[in-house]
Amino acid sequence: MRFSMIIFLSVFLFQVSFTQQNEYFLFTGTYTSGKSEGIYIFNYQLDKAVATPIYTAGGIKNPSFLALSPDGKKLYAVSELNGNGNAGKVVAYDFNKTSGVLQKLNEQASGGDDPCYVMVDHSNKWVFVGNYSSGSLSVLPILPDGSLGAAKTTIKHSGSGADKSRQEKAHVHATVISPDNRFLFVPDLGIDKIMIYRFDEKDGTLKAAKQAFVATKPGAGPRHFTFHPNGKYGYIMEELSGSVTVFSYSSKSGELKPIQNISSLPNGFTGQAGSADIHLSADGRFLYASNRGESNTIVIYSVNAKDGKLSLLGHQSTLGKGPRNFSITPDGKQLIVANQGSDEMVIFNRNVETGMLTDSGKRISVPTPVCITWGIK
């Protein structure tokens, strides 16, 4: 009960801090193989749903995923590169809230190839990074000036899955720390498992939790994972099957127990799923997930407050191609989709009572947008 109340109050206070102001920083990570120059920073006005460009940080290749420090003063970006097994990088930046400018501090090896996910722990002392092609993850220390030290811990997964074309080996796709900073959850698309590690924030080490992993259905391809605001449930987006699995969660042991598996695809859809991102509304009443492939939709679910299970409400076309990631605005009234294949982000109005989405008619032009992160001004 105490843990759930702490999580609820944290989410409530976080939401209050956001809704007291109208303007925020919007950071967008991209792939730079085309027209993109790097990381794009905007001033975003909630009341007008208008994004005004402030700064573009160049000199980094494929900053496909971003994470802002808890104090909003440092930004960490992966540099998604593939080479001889250790080409990936994590780049640290100092962020000036007055000018909106990023200044590079340093970069460190990510411990593998094609890093695709980065997250800062809640103590602001460590950065977690997942390397897709190497099936590995690393824990890097944050030094006093915000720069990164060499990896303290690197773990490489092994195994394969049922889909021989996509699951020929391990493919780490996310590194998600628990709300209490005690457990790290690592979805591995290649081996159909969410690996669970006990995290020691004093020295940055990881050890297998009592429940070392939870397996998804064969060929599911677990990708992104998120917790319910009440701390009792977890949700995994499965890229290959196009399904969401709901888990009950024990904050005491870190254990996950599957309680529901539900499709994220429109009824009758038979094409490639390519499902990607997943997020809950701040009040925990609605869950959203993105489908790429041939669907290009956002699925909308209601969440049962008593057991965390999902009920389908509908699907919204993303009005573009390849919705890699998306984000709900700080006030909860809009949802922005990063359509990687369309070189723009689409802004949807979000009904906070029904959870449904409608096109606002507004767009943000960004080459190959991939990741969206918010910062308080």
Protein backbone atom coordinates (compact mmCIF):
# COMPACT_ATOMS: atom_id res chain seq x y z
CA MET A 1 0.00 0.00 0.00
CA ARG A 2 2.81 2.41 0.93
CA PHE A 3 4.65 1.79 -2.38
CA SER A 4 1.48 2.29 -4.43
CA MET A 5 0.73 5.55 -2.61
CA ILE A 6 4.28 6.82 -3.22
CA ILE A 7 3.98 6.06 -6.95
CA PHE A 8 0.55 7.69 -7.16
CA LEU A 9 1.75 10.85 -5.39
CA SER A 10 4.88 10.99 -7.55
CA VAL A 11 2.84 10.81 -10.75
CA PHE A 12 0.35 13.35 -9.38
CA LEU A 13 3.03 15.85 -8.40
CA PHE A 14 4.82 15.29 -11.74
CA GLN A 15 1.59 16.04 -13.58
CA VAL A 16 0.90 19.11 -11.43
CA SER A 17 4.39 20.49 -12.07
CA PHE A 18 3.77 20.15 -15.79
CA THR A 19 0.28 21.59 -15.91
CA GLN A 20 1.28 24.77 -14.07
CA GLN A 21 3.00 26.05 -17.20
CA ASN A 22 2.26 26.28 -20.89
CA GLU A 23 5.64 26.00 -22.61
CA TYR A 24 8.03 23.04 -22.60
CA PHE A 25 11.09 21.82 -24.39
CA LEU A 26 10.44 19.06 -26.91
CA PHE A 27 13.49 16.97 -27.89
CA THR A 28 13.39 14.74 -30.96
CA GLY A 29 15.91 12.02 -31.78
CA THR A 30 16.38 10.96 -35.41
CA TYR A 31 18.27 8.83 -37.88
CA THR A 32 20.86 10.88 -39.77
CA SER A 33 21.25 8.68 -42.84
CA GLY A 34 18.99 11.03 -44.80
CA LYS A 35 18.29 14.74 -44.35
CA SER A 36 18.43 14.84 -40.56
CA GLU A 37 21.25 16.76 -38.88
CA GLY A 38 20.92 15.22 -35.40
CA ILE A 39 18.85 16.14 -32.34
CA TYR A 40 16.08 18.72 -32.80
CA ILE A 41 14.89 20.94 -29.94
CA PHE A 42 11.61 22.88 -30.01
CA ASN A 43 9.69 25.22 -27.78
CA TYR A 44 6.24 23.65 -27.49
CA GLN A 45 3.15 25.68 -26.55
CA LEU A 46 0.43 23.46 -25.15
CA ASP A 47 -2.47 25.84 -25.63
CA LYS A 48 -1.69 26.39 -29.32
CA ALA A 49 -0.12 22.99 -30.07
CA VAL A 50 2.71 24.83 -31.80
CA ALA A 51 6.36 23.71 -31.90
CA THR A 52 8.92 26.42 -32.63
CA PRO A 53 12.45 25.28 -33.55
CA ILE A 54 15.11 26.41 -31.06
CA TYR A 55 18.28 24.43 -31.75
CA THR A 56 19.66 21.47 -33.71
CA ALA A 57 22.56 19.49 -32.27
CA GLY A 58 24.67 18.08 -35.09
CA GLY A 59 27.86 16.06 -35.01
CA ILE A 60 26.15 12.87 -33.84
CA LYS A 61 25.14 9.94 -36.01
CA ASN A 62 21.75 8.32 -35.51
CA PRO A 63 20.68 9.75 -32.14
CA SER A 64 17.67 7.48 -32.26
CA PHE A 65 16.80 7.45 -28.56
CA LEU A 66 17.11 10.13 -25.91
CA ALA A 67 16.86 10.40 -22.13
CA LEU A 68 16.79 13.57 -20.04
CA SER A 69 18.24 13.61 -16.53
CA PRO A 70 15.72 13.99 -13.67
CA ASP A 71 16.80 17.60 -13.13
CA GLY A 72 16.46 18.38 -16.85
CA LYS A 73 20.01 19.70 -17.12
CA LYS A 74 21.66 16.84 -18.98
CA LEU A 75 20.62 14.89 -22.08
CA TYR A 76 21.89 11.45 -23.02
CA ALA A 77 21.60 10.13 -26.57
CA VAL A 78 22.52 6.84 -28.17
CA SER A 79 24.55 6.92 -31.36
CA GLU A 80 23.11 3.89 -33.13
CA LEU A 81 26.12 2.53 -35.00
CA ASN A 82 27.12 -0.94 -36.12
CA GLY A 83 30.71 -2.11 -36.47
CA ASN A 84 32.91 -4.79 -34.99
CA GLY A 85 30.74 -5.65 -32.04
CA ASN A 86 31.33 -2.46 -30.04
CA ALA A 87 30.67 0.48 -32.35
CA GLY A 88 27.71 1.96 -30.47
CA LYS A 89 28.09 5.10 -28.40
CA VAL A 90 26.25 7.01 -25.70
CA VAL A 91 26.73 10.78 -25.88
CA ALA A 92 26.32 13.12 -22.89
CA TYR A 93 25.21 16.74 -23.30
CA ASP A 94 24.82 19.71 -21.01
CA PHE A 95 21.50 21.43 -21.66
CA ASN A 96 21.17 25.17 -21.18
CA LYS A 97 17.56 25.88 -20.26
CA THR A 98 17.95 29.57 -20.98
CA SER A 99 19.28 29.30 -24.52
CA GLY A 100 17.96 25.82 -25.36
CA VAL A 101 21.41 24.82 -26.58
CA LEU A 102 23.07 21.43 -26.13
CA GLN A 103 26.81 21.30 -25.45
CA LYS A 104 28.52 17.95 -25.84
CA LEU A 105 30.31 16.75 -22.71
CA ASN A 106 31.72 13.42 -23.88
CA GLU A 107 30.85 10.03 -25.32
CA GLN A 108 31.39 6.46 -24.18
CA ALA A 109 31.14 3.03 -25.76
CA SER A 110 27.68 1.51 -25.27
CA GLY A 111 29.08 -2.00 -24.96
CA GLY A 112 27.72 -3.28 -28.26
CA ASP A 113 26.31 -2.49 -31.69
CA ASP A 114 23.22 -0.46 -32.56
CA PRO A 115 22.22 0.96 -29.17
CA CYS A 116 18.49 1.65 -29.42
CA TYR A 117 17.39 2.62 -25.90
CA VAL A 118 18.78 4.74 -23.07
CA MET A 119 17.41 5.56 -19.62
CA VAL A 120 18.68 7.44 -16.56
CA ASP A 121 18.16 5.84 -13.16
CA HIS A 122 16.09 7.70 -10.55
CA SER A 123 19.15 8.61 -8.46
CA ASN A 124 20.66 10.45 -11.46
CA LYS A 125 23.89 8.48 -11.01
CA TRP A 126 23.65 5.86 -13.76
CA VAL A 127 22.67 5.45 -17.40
CA PHE A 128 21.30 2.19 -18.82
CA VAL A 129 21.70 1.43 -22.53
CA GLY A 130 20.45 -1.49 -24.64
CA ASN A 131 22.31 -2.66 -27.75
CA TYR A 132 19.99 -4.27 -30.31
CA SER A 133 22.39 -6.03 -32.68
CA SER A 134 24.71 -7.29 -29.95
CA GLY A 135 21.97 -8.41 -27.59
CA SER A 136 23.75 -6.63 -24.76
CA LEU A 137 23.15 -3.95 -22.14
CA SER A 138 25.45 -1.69 -20.16
CA VAL A 139 25.37 0.45 -17.04
CA LEU A 140 27.45 3.65 -17.26
CA PRO A 141 28.22 5.98 -14.34
CA ILE A 142 27.26 9.66 -14.49
CA LEU A 143 30.23 11.73 -13.32
CA PRO A 144 29.82 14.90 -11.19
CA ASP A 145 29.80 17.18 -14.25
CA GLY A 146 27.15 15.06 -16.00
CA SER A 147 29.56 13.36 -18.39
CA LEU A 148 29.71 9.58 -18.62
CA GLY A 149 32.33 7.18 -17.33
CA ALA A 150 33.19 3.86 -18.94
CA ALA A 151 30.62 1.09 -18.47
CA LYS A 152 30.62 -0.39 -14.98
CA THR A 153 28.58 -3.42 -16.03
CA THR A 154 27.95 -5.04 -19.42
CA ILE A 155 25.82 -8.15 -19.89
CA LYS A 156 25.39 -10.03 -23.15
CA HIS A 157 22.33 -12.22 -23.74
CA SER A 158 22.33 -15.44 -25.73
CA GLY A 159 19.72 -17.57 -27.44
CA SER A 160 17.24 -17.31 -30.30
CA GLY A 161 13.52 -17.37 -31.03
CA ALA A 162 10.89 -18.93 -33.25
CA ASP A 163 11.13 -16.32 -36.04
CA LYS A 164 14.40 -17.27 -37.75
CA SER A 165 14.54 -14.06 -39.79
CA ARG A 166 14.19 -11.71 -36.78
CA GLN A 167 15.10 -13.87 -33.82
CA GLU A 168 18.32 -15.48 -35.00
CA LYS A 169 20.04 -14.21 -31.84
CA ALA A 170 19.44 -11.98 -28.85
CA HIS A 171 18.22 -8.43 -29.55
CA VAL A 172 17.93 -6.16 -26.49
CA HIS A 173 15.30 -3.51 -27.18
CA ALA A 174 14.85 -1.59 -23.92
CA THR A 175 16.31 -1.02 -20.46
CA VAL A 176 13.57 0.08 -18.05
CA ILE A 177 14.24 0.75 -14.36
CA SER A 178 11.48 0.07 -11.84
CA PRO A 179 9.79 3.02 -10.08
CA ASP A 180 11.72 2.27 -6.87
CA ASN A 181 15.08 1.97 -8.71
CA ARG A 182 15.62 -1.63 -7.52
CA PHE A 183 15.00 -3.72 -10.64
CA LEU A 184 15.97 -3.36 -14.29
CA PHE A 185 13.64 -4.87 -16.90
CA VAL A 186 15.22 -5.72 -20.26
CA PRO A 187 12.90 -6.86 -23.08
CA ASP A 188 14.84 -8.99 -25.56
CA LEU A 189 13.09 -9.28 -28.92
CA GLY A 190 15.38 -12.09 -30.09
CA ILE A 191 14.83 -14.56 -27.28
CA ASP A 192 11.21 -13.79 -26.33
CA LYS A 193 12.08 -12.88 -22.75
CA ILE A 194 11.95 -9.93 -20.42
CA MET A 195 15.12 -10.33 -18.36
CA ILE A 196 14.89 -9.08 -14.77
CA TYR A 197 17.93 -7.82 -12.89
CA ARG A 198 18.37 -6.57 -9.35
CA PHE A 199 20.13 -3.20 -9.57
CA ASP A 200 22.54 -1.84 -6.96
CA GLU A 201 22.60 1.93 -7.32
CA LYS A 202 25.67 2.19 -5.07
CA ASP A 203 28.03 0.44 -7.49
CA GLY A 204 26.04 0.05 -10.72
CA THR A 205 26.04 -3.74 -10.68
CA LEU A 206 23.30 -6.05 -11.91
CA LYS A 207 22.41 -9.50 -10.65
CA ALA A 208 19.68 -11.85 -11.81
CA ALA A 209 16.53 -11.27 -9.77
CA LYS A 210 14.78 -14.14 -8.00
CA GLN A 211 12.66 -14.41 -11.15
CA ALA A 212 15.46 -14.10 -13.70
CA PHE A 213 13.07 -13.62 -16.61
CA VAL A 214 9.50 -13.94 -17.81
CA ALA A 215 8.94 -15.52 -21.22
CA THR A 216 6.49 -14.18 -23.78
CA LYS A 217 4.74 -16.34 -26.35
CA PRO A 218 7.13 -17.84 -28.96
CA GLY A 219 7.70 -15.39 -31.80
CA ALA A 220 6.17 -12.44 -29.92
CA GLY A 221 9.28 -10.25 -29.99
CA PRO A 222 9.02 -8.14 -26.78
CA ARG A 223 10.09 -4.55 -27.44
CA HIS A 224 9.05 -1.69 -25.10
CA PHE A 225 7.88 -2.01 -21.49
CA THR A 226 6.10 0.37 -19.14
CA PHE A 227 4.66 0.42 -15.62
CA HIS A 228 1.21 1.50 -14.53
CA PRO A 229 1.31 4.66 -12.35
CA ASN A 230 0.03 2.67 -9.36
CA GLY A 231 3.06 0.35 -9.53
CA LYS A 232 0.96 -2.82 -9.61
CA TYR A 233 1.07 -3.68 -13.33
CA GLY A 234 3.48 -3.82 -16.25
CA TYR A 235 2.76 -3.77 -20.00
CA ILE A 236 4.95 -5.07 -22.85
CA MET A 237 4.57 -4.17 -26.53
CA GLU A 238 5.39 -7.19 -28.69
CA GLU A 239 6.77 -6.10 -32.05
CA LEU A 240 6.41 -9.31 -34.05
CA SER A 241 3.03 -10.58 -32.83
CA GLY A 242 1.43 -7.15 -32.55
CA SER A 243 0.15 -7.94 -29.07
CA VAL A 244 0.30 -6.37 -25.63
CA THR A 245 0.83 -8.59 -22.60
CA VAL A 246 -0.31 -7.35 -19.20
CA PHE A 247 1.51 -8.45 -16.03
CA SER A 248 0.83 -8.14 -12.36
CA TYR A 249 3.94 -6.74 -10.69
CA SER A 250 5.45 -7.31 -7.25
CA SER A 251 7.62 -4.38 -6.22
CA LYS A 252 8.99 -6.49 -3.38
CA SER A 253 10.48 -9.25 -5.54
CA GLY A 254 10.42 -7.72 -9.02
CA GLU A 255 8.27 -10.62 -10.20
CA LEU A 256 6.02 -10.37 -13.25
CA LYS A 257 3.01 -12.65 -13.77
CA PRO A 258 1.16 -12.55 -17.12
CA ILE A 259 -2.57 -11.93 -16.71
CA GLN A 260 -3.70 -10.93 -20.23
CA ASN A 261 -2.57 -10.95 -23.85
CA ILE A 262 -4.49 -8.76 -26.30
CA SER A 263 -3.98 -7.83 -29.94
CA SER A 264 -3.03 -4.26 -30.83
CA LEU A 265 -3.98 -4.66 -34.50
CA PRO A 266 -7.22 -3.67 -36.22
CA ASN A 267 -9.78 -6.43 -36.63
CA GLY A 268 -9.08 -8.49 -39.75
CA PHE A 269 -5.58 -7.06 -40.27
CA THR A 270 -3.27 -9.71 -41.75
CA GLY A 271 -0.16 -7.71 -42.68
CA GLN A 272 3.11 -7.20 -40.87
CA ALA A 273 2.67 -5.85 -37.37
CA GLY A 274 5.90 -3.97 -36.68
CA SER A 275 4.52 -2.80 -33.33
CA ALA A 276 6.75 -0.35 -31.49
CA ASP A 277 5.98 2.00 -28.61
CA ILE A 278 3.69 1.90 -25.57
CA HIS A 279 2.56 4.52 -23.03
CA LEU A 280 -0.09 5.01 -20.35
CA SER A 281 -1.90 8.24 -19.60
CA ALA A 282 -0.72 9.87 -16.37
CA ASP A 283 -3.97 8.95 -14.61
CA GLY A 284 -3.54 5.28 -15.60
CA ARG A 285 -6.97 5.09 -17.26
CA PHE A 286 -5.81 4.60 -20.86
CA LEU A 287 -3.01 2.78 -22.65
CA TYR A 288 -1.75 3.54 -26.16
CA ALA A 289 0.57 1.56 -28.46
CA SER A 290 1.89 2.11 -31.98
CA ASN A 291 1.81 -0.24 -34.97
CA ARG A 292 4.08 0.33 -37.95
CA GLY A 293 4.31 -2.23 -40.77
CA GLU A 294 1.26 -1.93 -43.00
CA SER A 295 -1.06 -0.75 -40.23
CA ASN A 296 0.33 2.65 -39.17
CA THR A 297 -2.08 3.02 -36.27
CA ILE A 298 -2.26 3.91 -32.61
CA VAL A 299 -4.33 1.43 -30.64
CA ILE A 300 -6.35 2.81 -27.73
CA TYR A 301 -7.31 0.75 -24.67
CA SER A 302 -9.12 1.50 -21.45
CA VAL A 303 -7.49 0.14 -18.30
CA ASN A 304 -9.52 -1.66 -15.64
CA ALA A 305 -8.66 0.04 -12.35
CA LYS A 306 -9.31 -3.16 -10.37
CA ASP A 307 -7.05 -5.61 -12.22
CA GLY A 308 -5.02 -3.62 -14.78
CA LYS A 309 -6.51 -5.49 -17.75
CA LEU A 310 -7.18 -3.80 -21.08
CA SER A 311 -10.31 -3.33 -23.17
CA LEU A 312 -10.06 -2.20 -26.77
CA LEU A 313 -11.54 1.21 -27.51
CA GLY A 314 -10.36 1.70 -31.08
CA HIS A 315 -7.59 2.55 -33.53
CA GLN A 316 -6.40 5.89 -34.86
CA SER A 317 -4.50 6.17 -38.14
CA THR A 318 -1.17 7.92 -37.52
CA LEU A 319 -1.70 9.82 -40.81
CA GLY A 320 1.82 8.90 -41.81
CA LYS A 321 4.25 6.01 -42.12
CA GLY A 322 6.29 4.20 -39.52
CA PRO A 323 5.08 5.49 -36.11
CA ARG A 324 8.29 4.55 -34.32
CA ASN A 325 7.53 6.41 -31.10
CA PHE A 326 4.88 8.73 -29.69
CA SER A 327 4.32 10.78 -26.56
CA ILE A 328 1.43 12.27 -24.61
CA THR A 329 1.91 15.98 -23.95
CA PRO A 330 2.58 17.09 -20.35
CA ASP A 331 -1.00 18.28 -19.84
CA GLY A 332 -2.41 15.04 -21.29
CA LYS A 333 -4.51 16.86 -23.88
CA GLN A 334 -2.50 15.95 -26.99
CA LEU A 335 -0.61 12.96 -28.32
CA ILE A 336 2.27 13.44 -30.75
CA VAL A 337 3.30 10.63 -33.12
CA ALA A 338 6.79 10.46 -34.66
CA ASN A 339 6.15 9.08 -38.16
CA GLN A 340 9.67 8.04 -39.11
CA GLY A 341 8.82 7.23 -42.72
CA SER A 342 6.95 10.49 -43.37
CA ASP A 343 9.47 13.01 -42.00
CA GLU A 344 6.97 14.62 -39.66
CA MET A 345 5.29 14.41 -36.29
CA VAL A 346 1.50 14.48 -36.22
CA ILE A 347 -0.32 16.19 -33.34
CA PHE A 348 -3.57 14.60 -32.19
CA ASN A 349 -6.05 16.08 -29.73
CA ARG A 350 -6.71 13.67 -26.87
CA ASN A 351 -10.03 13.51 -25.02
CA VAL A 352 -8.96 13.03 -21.40
CA GLU A 353 -12.36 11.57 -20.46
CA THR A 354 -12.77 9.02 -23.27
CA GLY A 355 -9.13 8.50 -24.28
CA MET A 356 -9.95 8.90 -27.96
CA LEU A 357 -7.80 10.80 -30.47
CA THR A 358 -8.69 13.25 -33.25
CA ASP A 359 -6.47 14.99 -35.77
CA SER A 360 -5.58 18.53 -34.69
CA GLY A 361 -4.52 19.36 -38.23
CA LYS A 362 -1.10 20.42 -36.97
CA ARG A 363 2.27 18.91 -37.91
CA ILE A 364 5.92 19.26 -36.89
CA SER A 365 8.38 18.85 -39.75
CA VAL A 366 11.37 16.71 -38.68
CA PRO A 367 13.46 14.40 -40.91
CA THR A 368 13.12 10.73 -39.83
CA PRO A 369 11.82 11.43 -36.31
CA VAL A 370 12.23 8.52 -33.92
CA CYS A 371 12.07 9.54 -30.26
CA ILE A 372 10.24 12.27 -28.32
CA THR A 373 11.33 13.56 -24.90
CA TRP A 374 9.93 16.44 -22.83
CA GLY A 375 11.75 18.96 -20.66
CA ILE A 376 10.42 21.51 -18.17
CA LYS A 377 11.42 25.11 -18.93
